Protein backbone atom coordinates (compact mmCIF):
# COMPACT_ATOMS: atom_id res chain seq x y z
CA MET A 1 -183.68 136.17 -119.72
CA GLN A 2 -186.47 134.44 -118.26
CA GLN A 3 -189.15 136.10 -121.11
CA LEU A 4 -186.44 135.23 -123.39
CA MET A 5 -186.43 131.41 -122.59
CA GLN A 6 -190.32 131.23 -122.38
CA ILE A 7 -190.84 132.73 -125.99
CA ILE A 8 -188.28 130.42 -127.46
CA GLN A 9 -189.50 127.43 -125.55
CA GLY A 10 -192.97 128.25 -126.61
CA GLU A 11 -192.43 128.37 -130.24
CA TYR A 12 -190.28 124.97 -129.98
CA GLU A 13 -192.69 123.34 -127.70
CA HIS A 14 -189.77 121.68 -125.83
CA PRO A 15 -187.08 123.30 -123.60
CA VAL A 16 -184.32 124.82 -124.96
CA ASP A 17 -180.52 125.72 -124.19
CA ILE A 18 -179.32 128.84 -126.03
CA GLU A 19 -176.14 130.39 -126.71
CA PHE A 20 -175.95 134.69 -126.73
CA THR A 21 -174.15 138.00 -125.87
CA MET A 22 -174.68 140.89 -124.33
CA ASN A 23 -173.47 144.58 -124.99
CA LEU A 24 -173.31 146.83 -121.74
CA SER A 25 -173.27 150.60 -122.72
CA GLU A 26 -171.44 152.95 -120.80
CA SER A 27 -174.89 154.25 -119.37
CA GLY A 28 -175.95 150.49 -118.07
CA GLU A 29 -178.13 149.95 -120.93
CA TYR A 30 -178.05 146.50 -122.75
CA SER A 31 -178.66 144.23 -125.81
CA ILE A 32 -179.03 140.71 -125.91
CA ASN A 33 -178.35 138.83 -129.06
CA LEU A 34 -179.54 135.03 -129.33
CA LEU A 35 -176.54 133.64 -131.58
CA GLN A 36 -177.98 129.77 -131.15
CA CYS A 37 -180.81 127.71 -129.97
CA ARG A 38 -180.99 124.18 -129.48
CA PRO A 39 -184.21 122.97 -128.87
CA LEU A 40 -183.56 119.87 -125.32
CA GLN A 41 -185.30 116.62 -126.22
CA VAL A 42 -186.98 115.34 -123.06
CA PHE A 43 -188.23 111.46 -122.60
CA LYS A 44 -190.53 110.41 -119.80
CA ASP A 45 -189.15 107.04 -117.98
CA THR A 46 -191.36 104.30 -118.53
CA ALA A 47 -188.79 101.16 -117.37
CA ALA A 48 -189.63 99.91 -114.03
CA ILE A 49 -185.93 98.39 -114.02
CA ALA A 50 -184.93 96.63 -111.19
CA VAL A 51 -181.59 96.31 -110.64
CA PRO A 52 -180.32 92.80 -108.93
CA ASP A 53 -179.23 92.78 -105.72
CA SER A 54 -177.38 89.61 -105.29
CA VAL A 55 -175.10 89.38 -108.30
CA PRO A 56 -171.62 87.67 -106.89
CA GLU A 57 -168.63 89.56 -106.39
CA GLU A 58 -166.91 88.24 -108.87
CA ASN A 59 -169.56 88.83 -111.45
CA ILE A 60 -169.46 92.86 -111.10
CA ILE A 61 -167.26 94.55 -113.44
CA LEU A 62 -169.06 97.93 -112.78
CA GLU A 63 -171.55 99.28 -109.97
CA SER A 64 -172.05 102.66 -109.27
CA VAL A 65 -174.99 105.08 -107.79
CA ASP A 66 -175.06 108.79 -108.95
CA SER A 67 -173.19 108.82 -111.86
CA SER A 68 -175.53 108.33 -114.16
CA MET A 69 -177.64 109.56 -116.91
CA GLY A 70 -180.17 108.39 -119.04
CA LEU A 71 -183.09 105.86 -119.47
CA SER A 72 -183.64 103.18 -117.39
CA ARG A 73 -182.18 100.12 -119.19
CA SER A 74 -181.57 96.33 -118.93
CA VAL A 75 -179.40 95.18 -122.26
CA PRO A 76 -177.40 92.46 -123.27
CA ILE A 77 -173.60 93.94 -123.80
CA ASP A 78 -171.92 92.04 -126.26
CA LEU A 79 -168.51 94.15 -126.84
CA ILE A 80 -166.72 96.71 -124.44
CA VAL A 81 -163.73 98.83 -125.86
CA TYR A 82 -161.62 99.48 -122.89
CA VAL A 83 -158.88 102.39 -123.01
CA ASP A 84 -156.70 102.00 -120.05
CA PRO A 85 -155.84 105.21 -118.62
CA LYS A 86 -152.63 105.35 -117.46
CA ALA A 87 -151.09 103.43 -121.14
CA TYR A 88 -153.25 106.56 -122.63
CA TYR A 89 -151.40 108.92 -120.49
CA GLU A 90 -147.94 107.93 -121.03
CA MET A 91 -149.00 107.55 -125.03
CA PRO A 92 -147.39 110.89 -126.68
CA TYR A 93 -149.66 113.82 -126.74
CA SER A 94 -149.31 113.88 -131.32
CA ASP A 95 -150.68 110.39 -130.86
CA LYS A 96 -153.59 110.50 -128.93
CA THR A 97 -156.02 110.73 -132.00
CA ARG A 98 -155.48 108.04 -133.29
CA ILE A 99 -157.27 105.53 -130.30
CA ALA A 100 -159.91 107.72 -131.09
CA ARG A 101 -160.10 106.93 -134.69
CA ILE A 102 -159.39 103.16 -133.71
CA ILE A 103 -163.16 103.72 -131.34
CA GLY A 104 -164.28 105.44 -135.00
CA LYS A 105 -163.32 102.36 -136.39
CA VAL A 106 -165.01 99.56 -134.33
CA ASN A 107 -168.26 102.27 -134.53
CA TRP A 108 -168.53 102.19 -137.68
CA THR A 109 -167.47 98.36 -138.27
CA PHE A 110 -170.45 97.07 -136.37
CA ARG A 111 -172.67 100.12 -137.74
CA GLU A 112 -176.55 98.60 -137.73
CA LYS A 113 -175.23 95.17 -137.01
CA GLY A 114 -177.25 94.67 -133.71
CA ARG A 115 -174.12 94.44 -131.74
CA HIS A 116 -174.82 95.39 -127.95
CA MET A 117 -171.77 97.70 -127.41
CA MET A 118 -170.06 99.93 -123.95
CA LEU A 119 -167.11 102.37 -124.53
CA ILE A 120 -164.79 102.61 -121.36
CA VAL A 121 -162.61 105.84 -121.51
CA PRO A 122 -160.30 107.96 -119.61
CA GLY A 123 -161.60 111.65 -119.03
CA ARG A 124 -163.87 113.23 -121.23
CA ILE A 125 -165.21 111.57 -124.33
CA GLY A 126 -165.80 113.96 -127.42
CA THR A 127 -163.18 116.69 -126.11
CA PRO A 128 -161.37 118.75 -128.41
CA SER A 129 -158.12 118.33 -125.92
CA PRO A 130 -156.37 114.94 -125.64
CA GLU A 131 -155.01 115.67 -122.74
CA LEU A 132 -158.51 115.77 -121.18
CA GLY A 133 -159.78 112.68 -122.32
CA ILE A 134 -160.79 110.73 -125.67
CA PRO A 135 -161.12 113.47 -128.46
CA THR A 136 -163.46 111.63 -130.24
CA SER A 137 -167.03 113.43 -132.83
CA PHE A 138 -170.36 111.94 -132.14
CA ALA A 139 -170.65 109.65 -135.04
CA ASP A 140 -167.51 107.68 -133.74
CA ILE A 141 -169.43 106.46 -130.91
CA SER A 142 -173.03 106.72 -132.33
CA GLU A 143 -173.62 103.41 -132.00
CA PHE A 144 -172.65 102.09 -128.46
CA GLU A 145 -175.16 101.59 -125.96
CA ALA A 146 -173.27 103.36 -123.29
CA VAL A 147 -170.80 105.54 -122.24
CA CYS A 148 -168.60 105.73 -119.11
CA GLU A 149 -165.51 108.16 -118.70
CA VAL A 150 -163.26 106.84 -115.76
CA GLU A 151 -161.43 109.41 -113.57
CA GLU A 152 -157.81 108.88 -112.63
CA LYS A 153 -156.21 111.03 -110.52
CA GLU A 154 -152.20 110.34 -111.32
CA ALA A 155 -153.18 111.50 -114.62
CA GLY A 156 -155.36 114.40 -114.29
CA TYR A 157 -158.56 113.03 -116.26
CA ASN A 158 -162.15 113.90 -114.97
CA PRO A 159 -165.29 112.73 -116.26
CA GLU A 160 -167.29 116.15 -116.57
CA LEU A 161 -170.51 116.45 -119.03
CA SER A 162 -171.83 119.42 -119.73
CA TYR A 163 -175.59 119.48 -119.86
CA GLY A 164 -175.80 122.14 -122.37
CA SER A 165 -172.69 120.68 -124.90
CA HIS A 166 -173.70 119.00 -128.20
CA ILE A 167 -172.25 115.57 -127.47
CA PHE A 168 -174.85 115.80 -124.01
CA GLN A 169 -177.91 116.51 -126.66
CA ASP A 170 -176.54 113.94 -128.84
CA LEU A 171 -176.21 110.96 -126.10
CA VAL A 172 -179.55 112.04 -125.16
CA GLU A 173 -181.72 112.05 -128.67
CA ALA A 174 -179.66 109.10 -129.72
CA ASP A 175 -180.43 107.01 -125.92
CA ILE A 176 -176.71 105.85 -125.06
CA LEU A 177 -176.33 106.09 -121.55
CA TYR A 178 -173.74 107.98 -119.82
CA THR A 179 -172.04 106.91 -116.67
CA ALA A 180 -168.99 107.51 -114.85
CA VAL A 181 -166.53 106.10 -112.57
CA PHE A 182 -165.26 108.53 -109.91
CA ALA A 183 -162.06 107.63 -107.26
CA GLY A 184 -164.96 107.75 -104.43
CA GLU A 185 -168.14 106.24 -102.67
CA LYS A 186 -169.72 106.70 -105.90
CA THR A 187 -168.23 103.80 -107.45
CA LEU A 188 -169.27 100.92 -105.62
CA ARG A 189 -167.21 98.40 -107.56
CA PHE A 190 -165.26 98.99 -110.55
CA ALA A 191 -162.83 95.93 -111.91
CA PRO A 192 -161.81 96.38 -115.63
CA ASP A 193 -158.90 94.04 -115.31
CA LYS A 194 -161.98 90.96 -115.34
CA LEU A 195 -162.16 92.15 -119.29
CA GLY A 196 -159.02 90.23 -119.47
CA SER A 197 -160.91 86.83 -119.60
CA PHE A 198 -162.52 87.92 -123.16
CA LYS A 199 -160.56 87.32 -126.40
CA ASN A 200 -159.37 90.72 -127.68
CA ILE A 201 -160.32 91.27 -130.75
CA VAL A 202 -158.32 94.99 -131.14
CA SER A 203 -156.39 93.81 -133.95
CA ASP A 204 -158.73 93.69 -136.56
CA PHE A 205 -159.23 97.32 -135.73
CA LEU A 206 -155.11 98.55 -135.73
CA ASP A 207 -152.98 100.18 -138.15
CA ASN A 208 -150.23 100.69 -135.56
CA PRO A 209 -149.92 97.55 -134.11
CA SER A 210 -148.57 99.81 -130.66
CA ASP A 211 -151.95 100.80 -129.95
CA GLY A 212 -153.58 98.11 -129.22
CA GLU A 213 -150.98 98.46 -125.65
CA ILE A 214 -153.32 100.97 -124.92
CA VAL A 215 -156.76 99.67 -126.29
CA LYS A 216 -158.65 96.57 -126.27
CA VAL A 217 -161.86 95.28 -127.90
CA PHE A 218 -163.37 92.41 -125.72
CA ASP A 219 -165.81 90.73 -127.36
CA MET A 220 -168.13 89.68 -124.72
CA LYS A 221 -170.15 86.69 -126.82
CA GLY A 222 -171.48 84.05 -124.52
CA SER A 223 -170.78 85.99 -121.40
CA GLU A 224 -174.54 86.77 -120.77
CA ALA A 225 -172.75 90.43 -119.79
CA THR A 226 -176.04 92.55 -118.74
CA LEU A 227 -176.14 96.45 -118.13
CA PHE A 228 -179.04 97.40 -115.83
CA TYR A 229 -180.05 101.18 -114.71
CA ASP A 230 -182.71 102.27 -112.88
CA LEU A 231 -182.86 105.98 -113.27
CA GLU A 232 -185.18 106.48 -110.18
CA LYS A 233 -182.38 105.77 -108.26
CA ASN A 234 -179.46 106.03 -110.33
CA HIS A 235 -178.41 102.54 -109.74
CA LEU A 236 -176.16 101.20 -112.49
CA LEU A 237 -174.59 97.60 -112.52
CA LEU A 238 -172.61 95.72 -115.16
CA GLU A 239 -172.52 91.68 -114.61
CA ALA A 240 -171.05 88.98 -117.25
CA PHE A 241 -169.92 85.39 -116.59
CA PHE A 242 -166.31 84.43 -116.62
CA PRO A 243 -164.88 81.96 -118.55
């Protein structure tokens, strides 16, 4: 396997992720069939970002350690899409795909319009199984600056991003920051209720008015919201000034 990987890596001039099958005979002889190969984009982190250490408690929406993947950055956030975990859990199974479509509508409405958006959802993003999270495609989240998966133990939602998955490679290549909120010591602060101070424009994207109880679209313009991430320390902070 090492020899196979080294040969392919030499051809692509990048580390690679592969899918394969193995056929094993009764005598113990085997053959490996290479099914698929994806080069892994590897970027060097060159930004020196210092996460502020004196931010007032009331200004912090999210702070975490050892829960993010991506390059260091300090970027404004002017729109946050938030899906309430418990409300999503209680939604009829057959209706959950509507939430993915709302996220996609936000994504495409603001495509190439210079908005800095963050997505906060329960469980796994991009899953084909709505009971595990939000069944979006990458095309529906491609314009977001950051994607945050939230653990919700009562509903059984668990963040999980596989390094070998297609969506992870898409996030890496698009330089979208991934982070997660865990119910443990990695999450220092998480206060989504504070977002209610900002204008909710979700009605602009709804076909079914009742979905507005599940997903919110907060217009953060004027809040000076900023997302800081230090890759070296794996320290993330989202702060804002509240009206």
